[in-house]
Amino acid sequence: MIAIRRASFFSRGAIAFGAILGLQCAAGSSLPVTPEVLDGGSPGWAVPDESLETQRLFRVRYEGQEGRGGMKLVLKLASESWFQVSTSDALGRPLWSLQAREGESLLIDHRGRQFCSGEQVRLPDPVLEAMPWESLPRVLLGFLPTMPDTIVQSSADAIEFQSFDGRRWTARLDAGRPLSWALWEMDRPVLWWSRQADGGLLSHRQGIQIKWREVVNERLRAPLEDLQVPTGYQPSICDASHLP
């Protein structure tokens, strides 16, 4: 595993603790997840087929006590396990690129002119530590970040479930799509998201807040090809503490 100690794409200090999204825990027996349960009105756990083979441009804003900033983010999505993310600053200068393909990962730091690759590139930023970066396409597109292991309770407009790693999630729904969701630790949310016009708002209890808006959505113009590391870039241990 290649570990990155910090990825400040999602990390810009602290802001005041926001309103808690999600549902309060309620009593009820757990239900094993079965195809019948999922077909009975639970939200889609996977990105739908019509969202695959697309490329999208997002404008991302972040804010914290250390400052605020923004970037452009392009997501190219062939499948949930085969996607690319590239970012650039306001002047169009590349910042970093990420590729995931069938469990293999590549991270390129364009400003540091270095790269790392492996079976799993781990980005232990507070947000991405709580929500692994593999969930990034789901979150950007407004779906639940993780598959359920056990559904605790569900209704037409709400669901509570446990993921395979034993963590508790809650969500409010509208026609099967999340309006908001929250990841809990004990009786406190650690990460929460809400749908915004053409995008979303993601907050972490340490005070990180990220907001994005989709500005372009089109079909992929050609099949994805592997990212190429530019000439002269050096392999690294993926210390991304300097990434913007």
C-alpha atoms as a PDB file:
ATOM      1  CA  MET A   1       0.000   0.000   0.000  1.00  0.00           C
ATOM      2  CA  ILE A   2       1.228   3.472  -0.830  1.00  0.00           C
ATOM      3  CA  ALA A   3       0.196   5.926   1.870  1.00  0.00           C
ATOM      4  CA  ILE A   4      -0.243   9.648   1.409  1.00  0.00           C
ATOM      5  CA  ARG A   5      -0.125  11.391   4.741  1.00  0.00           C
ATOM      6  CA  ARG A   6      -2.245  14.315   3.657  1.00  0.00           C
ATOM      7  CA  ALA A   7      -4.105  15.434   0.534  1.00  0.00           C
ATOM      8  CA  SER A   8      -5.142  19.035   0.829  1.00  0.00           C
ATOM      9  CA  PHE A   9      -7.481  18.852  -2.164  1.00  0.00           C
ATOM     10  CA  PHE A  10     -10.071  18.237   0.537  1.00  0.00           C
ATOM     11  CA  SER A  11      -8.239  19.817   3.466  1.00  0.00           C
ATOM     12  CA  ARG A  12      -8.142  23.531   4.223  1.00  0.00           C
ATOM     13  CA  GLY A  13      -8.380  23.853   7.994  1.00  0.00           C
ATOM     14  CA  ALA A  14     -11.521  24.248  10.079  1.00  0.00           C
ATOM     15  CA  ILE A  15     -14.814  26.113   9.911  1.00  0.00           C
ATOM     16  CA  ALA A  16     -17.697  26.334  12.385  1.00  0.00           C
ATOM     17  CA  PHE A  17     -19.584  23.090  12.917  1.00  0.00           C
ATOM     18  CA  GLY A  18     -22.584  23.081  10.564  1.00  0.00           C
ATOM     19  CA  ALA A  19     -26.078  21.721  10.805  1.00  0.00           C
ATOM     20  CA  ILE A  20     -26.222  17.954  11.136  1.00  0.00           C
ATOM     21  CA  LEU A  21     -27.676  16.153   8.147  1.00  0.00           C
ATOM     22  CA  GLY A  22     -29.026  12.624   8.209  1.00  0.00           C
ATOM     23  CA  LEU A  23     -31.384  10.734  10.496  1.00  0.00           C
ATOM     24  CA  GLN A  24     -31.415  10.058  14.208  1.00  0.00           C
ATOM     25  CA  CYS A  25     -30.945   6.450  15.202  1.00  0.00           C
ATOM     26  CA  ALA A  26     -34.192   4.621  15.723  1.00  0.00           C
ATOM     27  CA  ALA A  27     -34.923   1.249  17.194  1.00  0.00           C
ATOM     28  CA  GLY A  28     -35.562  -1.636  14.866  1.00  0.00           C
ATOM     29  CA  SER A  29     -34.248  -5.015  13.902  1.00  0.00           C
ATOM     30  CA  SER A  30     -31.600  -5.274  11.218  1.00  0.00           C
ATOM     31  CA  LEU A  31     -32.448  -6.751   7.851  1.00  0.00           C
ATOM     32  CA  PRO A  32     -29.952  -8.591   5.677  1.00  0.00           C
ATOM     33  CA  VAL A  33     -29.515  -7.013   2.270  1.00  0.00           C
ATOM     34  CA  THR A  34     -31.087  -9.120  -0.456  1.00  0.00           C
ATOM     35  CA  PRO A  35     -31.973  -8.353  -4.100  1.00  0.00           C
ATOM     36  CA  GLU A  36     -35.600  -8.165  -3.033  1.00  0.00           C
ATOM     37  CA  VAL A  37     -34.810  -5.530  -0.416  1.00  0.00           C
ATOM     38  CA  LEU A  38     -32.801  -3.471  -2.860  1.00  0.00           C
ATOM     39  CA  ASP A  39     -35.437  -3.752  -5.577  1.00  0.00           C
ATOM     40  CA  GLY A  40     -38.117  -2.707  -3.112  1.00  0.00           C
ATOM     41  CA  GLY A  41     -37.311   0.996  -3.177  1.00  0.00           C
ATOM     42  CA  SER A  42     -33.882   1.383  -1.586  1.00  0.00           C
ATOM     43  CA  PRO A  43     -31.673   3.978  -3.284  1.00  0.00           C
ATOM     44  CA  GLY A  44     -29.367   2.879  -6.077  1.00  0.00           C
ATOM     45  CA  TRP A  45     -26.016   1.796  -4.665  1.00  0.00           C
ATOM     46  CA  ALA A  46     -24.260   1.915  -8.001  1.00  0.00           C
ATOM     47  CA  VAL A  47     -23.891   4.692 -10.517  1.00  0.00           C
ATOM     48  CA  PRO A  48     -26.575   4.040 -13.166  1.00  0.00           C
ATOM     49  CA  ASP A  49     -25.581   2.951 -16.645  1.00  0.00           C
ATOM     50  CA  GLU A  50     -26.628   6.263 -18.192  1.00  0.00           C
ATOM     51  CA  SER A  51     -24.009   8.038 -16.066  1.00  0.00           C
ATOM     52  CA  LEU A  52     -21.189   5.797 -17.311  1.00  0.00           C
ATOM     53  CA  GLU A  53     -19.084   6.584 -20.375  1.00  0.00           C
ATOM     54  CA  THR A  54     -19.337  10.276 -19.525  1.00  0.00           C
ATOM     55  CA  GLN A  55     -16.942  13.113 -18.800  1.00  0.00           C
ATOM     56  CA  ARG A  56     -17.908  15.956 -16.488  1.00  0.00           C
ATOM     57  CA  LEU A  57     -16.419  19.262 -15.445  1.00  0.00           C
ATOM     58  CA  PHE A  58     -16.945  20.448 -11.872  1.00  0.00           C
ATOM     59  CA  ARG A  59     -16.061  23.706 -10.195  1.00  0.00           C
ATOM     60  CA  VAL A  60     -14.948  22.981  -6.634  1.00  0.00           C
ATOM     61  CA  ARG A  61     -14.755  25.426  -3.724  1.00  0.00           C
ATOM     62  CA  TYR A  62     -13.314  24.775  -0.268  1.00  0.00           C
ATOM     63  CA  GLU A  63     -13.135  26.901   2.842  1.00  0.00           C
ATOM     64  CA  GLY A  64     -11.458  26.851   6.247  1.00  0.00           C
ATOM     65  CA  GLN A  65      -9.597  28.856   8.845  1.00  0.00           C
ATOM     66  CA  GLU A  66      -6.415  28.479   6.803  1.00  0.00           C
ATOM     67  CA  GLY A  67      -8.100  30.084   3.825  1.00  0.00           C
ATOM     68  CA  ARG A  68     -10.317  29.295   0.907  1.00  0.00           C
ATOM     69  CA  GLY A  69      -9.774  28.398  -2.710  1.00  0.00           C
ATOM     70  CA  GLY A  70     -11.098  26.650  -5.752  1.00  0.00           C
ATOM     71  CA  MET A  71     -10.188  24.404  -8.640  1.00  0.00           C
ATOM     72  CA  LYS A  72     -11.544  22.779 -11.747  1.00  0.00           C
ATOM     73  CA  LEU A  73     -12.085  19.020 -11.582  1.00  0.00           C
ATOM     74  CA  VAL A  74     -12.717  16.742 -14.553  1.00  0.00           C
ATOM     75  CA  LEU A  75     -14.155  13.261 -13.967  1.00  0.00           C
ATOM     76  CA  LYS A  76     -13.961  10.706 -16.772  1.00  0.00           C
ATOM     77  CA  LEU A  77     -16.026   7.679 -15.865  1.00  0.00           C
ATOM     78  CA  ALA A  78     -15.864   4.472 -17.876  1.00  0.00           C
ATOM     79  CA  SER A  79     -17.179   2.353 -14.984  1.00  0.00           C
ATOM     80  CA  GLU A  80     -17.217   2.525 -11.213  1.00  0.00           C
ATOM     81  CA  SER A  81     -13.880   0.711 -11.125  1.00  0.00           C
ATOM     82  CA  TRP A  82     -12.323   2.525 -14.111  1.00  0.00           C
ATOM     83  CA  PHE A  83     -12.191   6.300 -13.853  1.00  0.00           C
ATOM     84  CA  GLN A  84      -9.853   9.269 -14.013  1.00  0.00           C
ATOM     85  CA  VAL A  85      -9.846  12.582 -12.164  1.00  0.00           C
ATOM     86  CA  SER A  86      -7.767  15.584 -13.171  1.00  0.00           C
ATOM     87  CA  THR A  87      -7.606  18.977 -11.465  1.00  0.00           C
ATOM     88  CA  SER A  88      -6.336  22.406 -12.425  1.00  0.00           C
ATOM     89  CA  ASP A  89      -6.198  25.864 -10.903  1.00  0.00           C
ATOM     90  CA  ALA A  90      -8.068  28.973 -12.038  1.00  0.00           C
ATOM     91  CA  LEU A  91      -5.442  29.621 -14.721  1.00  0.00           C
ATOM     92  CA  GLY A  92      -5.731  26.094 -16.112  1.00  0.00           C
ATOM     93  CA  ARG A  93      -2.419  24.871 -14.721  1.00  0.00           C
ATOM     94  CA  PRO A  94      -2.575  21.141 -13.843  1.00  0.00           C
ATOM     95  CA  LEU A  95      -2.436  20.269 -10.152  1.00  0.00           C
ATOM     96  CA  TRP A  96      -2.808  16.516  -9.840  1.00  0.00           C
ATOM     97  CA  SER A  97      -4.325  13.554 -11.676  1.00  0.00           C
ATOM     98  CA  LEU A  98      -5.707  10.304 -10.298  1.00  0.00           C
ATOM     99  CA  GLN A  99      -6.553   7.052 -12.060  1.00  0.00           C
ATOM    100  CA  ALA A 100      -8.316   3.965 -10.728  1.00  0.00           C
ATOM    101  CA  ARG A 101      -8.581   0.849 -12.856  1.00  0.00           C
ATOM    102  CA  GLU A 102      -9.664  -2.528 -11.519  1.00  0.00           C
ATOM    103  CA  GLY A 103      -7.928  -2.050  -8.177  1.00  0.00           C
ATOM    104  CA  GLU A 104      -4.771  -0.426  -9.577  1.00  0.00           C
ATOM    105  CA  SER A 105      -4.158   3.250  -8.873  1.00  0.00           C
ATOM    106  CA  LEU A 106      -1.935   6.042 -10.132  1.00  0.00           C
ATOM    107  CA  LEU A 107      -1.519   9.505  -8.612  1.00  0.00           C
ATOM    108  CA  ILE A 108       0.447  12.195 -10.475  1.00  0.00           C
ATOM    109  CA  ASP A 109       1.510  15.401  -8.738  1.00  0.00           C
ATOM    110  CA  HIS A 110       2.150  17.868 -11.559  1.00  0.00           C
ATOM    111  CA  ARG A 111       3.509  20.677  -9.398  1.00  0.00           C
ATOM    112  CA  GLY A 112       5.925  18.379  -7.602  1.00  0.00           C
ATOM    113  CA  ARG A 113       6.699  16.521 -10.856  1.00  0.00           C
ATOM    114  CA  GLN A 114       6.356  13.158  -9.144  1.00  0.00           C
ATOM    115  CA  PHE A 115       4.013  10.159  -9.119  1.00  0.00           C
ATOM    116  CA  CYS A 116       3.113   7.027  -7.198  1.00  0.00           C
ATOM    117  CA  SER A 117       1.193   3.895  -8.095  1.00  0.00           C
ATOM    118  CA  GLY A 118       0.081   0.642  -6.546  1.00  0.00           C
ATOM    119  CA  GLU A 119      -2.826  -1.577  -5.683  1.00  0.00           C
ATOM    120  CA  GLN A 120      -4.280   1.136  -3.472  1.00  0.00           C
ATOM    121  CA  VAL A 121      -3.288   4.763  -3.167  1.00  0.00           C
ATOM    122  CA  ARG A 122      -4.531   5.832   0.245  1.00  0.00           C
ATOM    123  CA  LEU A 123      -5.246   9.480   0.920  1.00  0.00           C
ATOM    124  CA  PRO A 124      -5.709   9.884   4.674  1.00  0.00           C
ATOM    125  CA  ASP A 125      -7.087  13.403   4.522  1.00  0.00           C
ATOM    126  CA  PRO A 126      -9.863  13.718   7.156  1.00  0.00           C
ATOM    127  CA  VAL A 127     -12.539  13.590   4.464  1.00  0.00           C
ATOM    128  CA  LEU A 128     -11.017  10.828   2.375  1.00  0.00           C
ATOM    129  CA  GLU A 129     -10.016   8.832   5.428  1.00  0.00           C
ATOM    130  CA  ALA A 130     -13.690   8.711   6.351  1.00  0.00           C
ATOM    131  CA  MET A 131     -14.790   8.261   2.743  1.00  0.00           C
ATOM    132  CA  PRO A 132     -12.228   6.402   0.622  1.00  0.00           C
ATOM    133  CA  TRP A 133     -11.350   8.097  -2.643  1.00  0.00           C
ATOM    134  CA  GLU A 134     -12.770   5.125  -4.553  1.00  0.00           C
ATOM    135  CA  SER A 135     -16.171   6.606  -3.650  1.00  0.00           C
ATOM    136  CA  LEU A 136     -15.358   9.921  -5.320  1.00  0.00           C
ATOM    137  CA  PRO A 137     -17.450   9.362  -8.500  1.00  0.00           C
ATOM    138  CA  ARG A 138     -20.484   8.312  -6.454  1.00  0.00           C
ATOM    139  CA  VAL A 139     -20.249  11.321  -4.186  1.00  0.00           C
ATOM    140  CA  LEU A 140     -19.681  13.799  -7.009  1.00  0.00           C
ATOM    141  CA  LEU A 141     -22.714  12.442  -8.854  1.00  0.00           C
ATOM    142  CA  GLY A 142     -24.985  12.431  -5.790  1.00  0.00           C
ATOM    143  CA  PHE A 143     -25.184   8.755  -4.846  1.00  0.00           C
ATOM    144  CA  LEU A 144     -24.481   6.966  -1.576  1.00  0.00           C
ATOM    145  CA  PRO A 145     -20.735   6.438  -1.135  1.00  0.00           C
ATOM    146  CA  THR A 146     -20.830   2.802  -0.076  1.00  0.00           C
ATOM    147  CA  MET A 147     -22.713  -0.455  -0.453  1.00  0.00           C
ATOM    148  CA  PRO A 148     -24.813  -1.664   2.491  1.00  0.00           C
ATOM    149  CA  ASP A 149     -24.154  -4.830   4.395  1.00  0.00           C
ATOM    150  CA  THR A 150     -27.251  -4.631   6.589  1.00  0.00           C
ATOM    151  CA  ILE A 151     -30.271  -2.369   6.303  1.00  0.00           C
ATOM    152  CA  VAL A 152     -31.404  -1.346   9.795  1.00  0.00           C
ATOM    153  CA  GLN A 153     -34.552   0.402   8.661  1.00  0.00           C
ATOM    154  CA  SER A 154     -35.893   1.934   5.472  1.00  0.00           C
ATOM    155  CA  SER A 155     -38.923   3.786   4.185  1.00  0.00           C
ATOM    156  CA  ALA A 156     -39.850   5.710   1.064  1.00  0.00           C
ATOM    157  CA  ASP A 157     -37.946   8.779   2.237  1.00  0.00           C
ATOM    158  CA  ALA A 158     -35.260   7.509   4.624  1.00  0.00           C
ATOM    159  CA  ILE A 159     -32.819   4.671   5.180  1.00  0.00           C
ATOM    160  CA  GLU A 160     -30.344   3.599   7.851  1.00  0.00           C
ATOM    161  CA  PHE A 161     -27.804   0.893   7.108  1.00  0.00           C
ATOM    162  CA  GLN A 162     -24.507  -0.608   8.154  1.00  0.00           C
ATOM    163  CA  SER A 163     -21.676  -0.878   5.646  1.00  0.00           C
ATOM    164  CA  PHE A 164     -19.366  -3.866   5.315  1.00  0.00           C
ATOM    165  CA  ASP A 165     -16.800  -2.232   7.598  1.00  0.00           C
ATOM    166  CA  GLY A 166     -19.398  -1.968  10.372  1.00  0.00           C
ATOM    167  CA  ARG A 167     -20.004   1.763  10.144  1.00  0.00           C
ATOM    168  CA  ARG A 168     -23.424   3.366  10.411  1.00  0.00           C
ATOM    169  CA  TRP A 169     -24.903   5.493   7.616  1.00  0.00           C
ATOM    170  CA  THR A 170     -28.202   7.352   7.319  1.00  0.00           C
ATOM    171  CA  ALA A 171     -29.796   9.101   4.360  1.00  0.00           C
ATOM    172  CA  ARG A 172     -32.852  11.098   3.410  1.00  0.00           C
ATOM    173  CA  LEU A 173     -34.303  10.161   0.058  1.00  0.00           C
ATOM    174  CA  ASP A 174     -36.386  11.629  -2.718  1.00  0.00           C
ATOM    175  CA  ALA A 175     -37.692   9.180  -5.288  1.00  0.00           C
ATOM    176  CA  GLY A 176     -34.921   6.778  -4.321  1.00  0.00           C
ATOM    177  CA  ARG A 177     -32.102   9.329  -4.683  1.00  0.00           C
ATOM    178  CA  PRO A 178     -30.292  10.777  -1.664  1.00  0.00           C
ATOM    179  CA  LEU A 179     -31.157  14.304  -0.599  1.00  0.00           C
ATOM    180  CA  SER A 180     -28.580  14.036   2.180  1.00  0.00           C
ATOM    181  CA  TRP A 181     -26.537  11.393   3.957  1.00  0.00           C
ATOM    182  CA  ALA A 182     -24.379  11.141   7.047  1.00  0.00           C
ATOM    183  CA  LEU A 183     -21.650   8.828   8.314  1.00  0.00           C
ATOM    184  CA  TRP A 184     -21.768   8.350  12.082  1.00  0.00           C
ATOM    185  CA  GLU A 185     -19.297   7.512  14.827  1.00  0.00           C
ATOM    186  CA  MET A 186     -21.224   6.540  17.939  1.00  0.00           C
ATOM    187  CA  ASP A 187     -23.937   9.214  18.239  1.00  0.00           C
ATOM    188  CA  ARG A 188     -22.084  11.935  16.289  1.00  0.00           C
ATOM    189  CA  PRO A 189     -21.833  12.467  12.532  1.00  0.00           C
ATOM    190  CA  VAL A 190     -18.282  12.577  11.213  1.00  0.00           C
ATOM    191  CA  LEU A 191     -19.095  13.304   7.571  1.00  0.00           C
ATOM    192  CA  TRP A 192     -22.267  14.648   5.973  1.00  0.00           C
ATOM    193  CA  TRP A 193     -23.429  15.627   2.510  1.00  0.00           C
ATOM    194  CA  SER A 194     -26.432  17.388   1.010  1.00  0.00           C
ATOM    195  CA  ARG A 195     -27.570  17.775  -2.557  1.00  0.00           C
ATOM    196  CA  GLN A 196     -27.208  21.240  -4.047  1.00  0.00           C
ATOM    197  CA  ALA A 197     -28.300  22.647  -7.379  1.00  0.00           C
ATOM    198  CA  ASP A 198     -26.147  20.834  -9.978  1.00  0.00           C
ATOM    199  CA  GLY A 199     -23.805  19.558  -7.291  1.00  0.00           C
ATOM    200  CA  GLY A 200     -23.301  18.922  -3.592  1.00  0.00           C
ATOM    201  CA  LEU A 201     -21.958  20.176  -0.283  1.00  0.00           C
ATOM    202  CA  LEU A 202     -19.736  17.909   1.828  1.00  0.00           C
ATOM    203  CA  SER A 203     -18.681  18.709   5.405  1.00  0.00           C
ATOM    204  CA  HIS A 204     -16.430  17.040   7.952  1.00  0.00           C
ATOM    205  CA  ARG A 205     -16.716  17.558  11.689  1.00  0.00           C
ATOM    206  CA  GLN A 206     -13.138  18.820  11.836  1.00  0.00           C
ATOM    207  CA  GLY A 207     -14.447  21.842   9.976  1.00  0.00           C
ATOM    208  CA  ILE A 208     -13.712  21.048   6.333  1.00  0.00           C
ATOM    209  CA  GLN A 209     -16.322  22.101   3.806  1.00  0.00           C
ATOM    210  CA  ILE A 210     -16.283  21.379   0.070  1.00  0.00           C
ATOM    211  CA  LYS A 211     -18.874  22.540  -2.424  1.00  0.00           C
ATOM    212  CA  TRP A 212     -19.010  21.624  -6.093  1.00  0.00           C
ATOM    213  CA  ARG A 213     -21.140  22.371  -9.129  1.00  0.00           C
ATOM    214  CA  GLU A 214     -21.304  20.448 -12.380  1.00  0.00           C
ATOM    215  CA  VAL A 215     -20.927  22.757 -15.373  1.00  0.00           C
ATOM    216  CA  VAL A 216     -20.386  20.306 -18.257  1.00  0.00           C
ATOM    217  CA  ASN A 217     -21.749  16.784 -18.800  1.00  0.00           C
ATOM    218  CA  GLU A 218     -21.090  14.983 -22.054  1.00  0.00           C
ATOM    219  CA  ARG A 219     -20.382  11.543 -23.439  1.00  0.00           C
ATOM    220  CA  LEU A 220     -16.793  10.361 -23.555  1.00  0.00           C
ATOM    221  CA  ARG A 221     -15.374  11.309 -26.913  1.00  0.00           C
ATOM    222  CA  ALA A 222     -13.153   8.209 -27.000  1.00  0.00           C
ATOM    223  CA  PRO A 223     -12.506   5.175 -24.807  1.00  0.00           C
ATOM    224  CA  LEU A 224     -10.363   5.928 -21.787  1.00  0.00           C
ATOM    225  CA  GLU A 225      -6.656   5.330 -22.176  1.00  0.00           C
ATOM    226  CA  ASP A 226      -4.257   4.940 -19.273  1.00  0.00           C
ATOM    227  CA  LEU A 227      -2.776   8.118 -17.873  1.00  0.00           C
ATOM    228  CA  GLN A 228       0.835   8.576 -18.910  1.00  0.00           C
ATOM    229  CA  VAL A 229       3.424   9.885 -16.468  1.00  0.00           C
ATOM    230  CA  PRO A 230       5.135  12.862 -18.101  1.00  0.00           C
ATOM    231  CA  THR A 231       8.825  12.580 -18.912  1.00  0.00           C
ATOM    232  CA  GLY A 232      11.057  13.648 -16.061  1.00  0.00           C
ATOM    233  CA  TYR A 233       8.591  12.948 -13.245  1.00  0.00           C
ATOM    234  CA  GLN A 234      10.110  10.986 -10.372  1.00  0.00           C
ATOM    235  CA  PRO A 235       8.536   8.125  -8.365  1.00  0.00           C
ATOM    236  CA  SER A 236       7.714   9.103  -4.803  1.00  0.00           C
ATOM    237  CA  ILE A 237       6.365   7.732  -1.557  1.00  0.00           C
ATOM    238  CA  CYS A 238       3.250   9.834  -2.110  1.00  0.00           C
ATOM    239  CA  ASP A 239       3.742  12.409   0.578  1.00  0.00           C
ATOM    240  CA  ALA A 240       1.095  14.769  -0.752  1.00  0.00           C
ATOM    241  CA  SER A 241       1.174  17.269   2.102  1.00  0.00           C
ATOM    242  CA  HIS A 242       2.049  19.985  -0.375  1.00  0.00           C
ATOM    243  CA  LEU A 243      -0.744  19.276  -2.828  1.00  0.00           C
ATOM    244  CA  PRO A 244      -3.200  22.166  -3.295  1.00  0.00           C
END
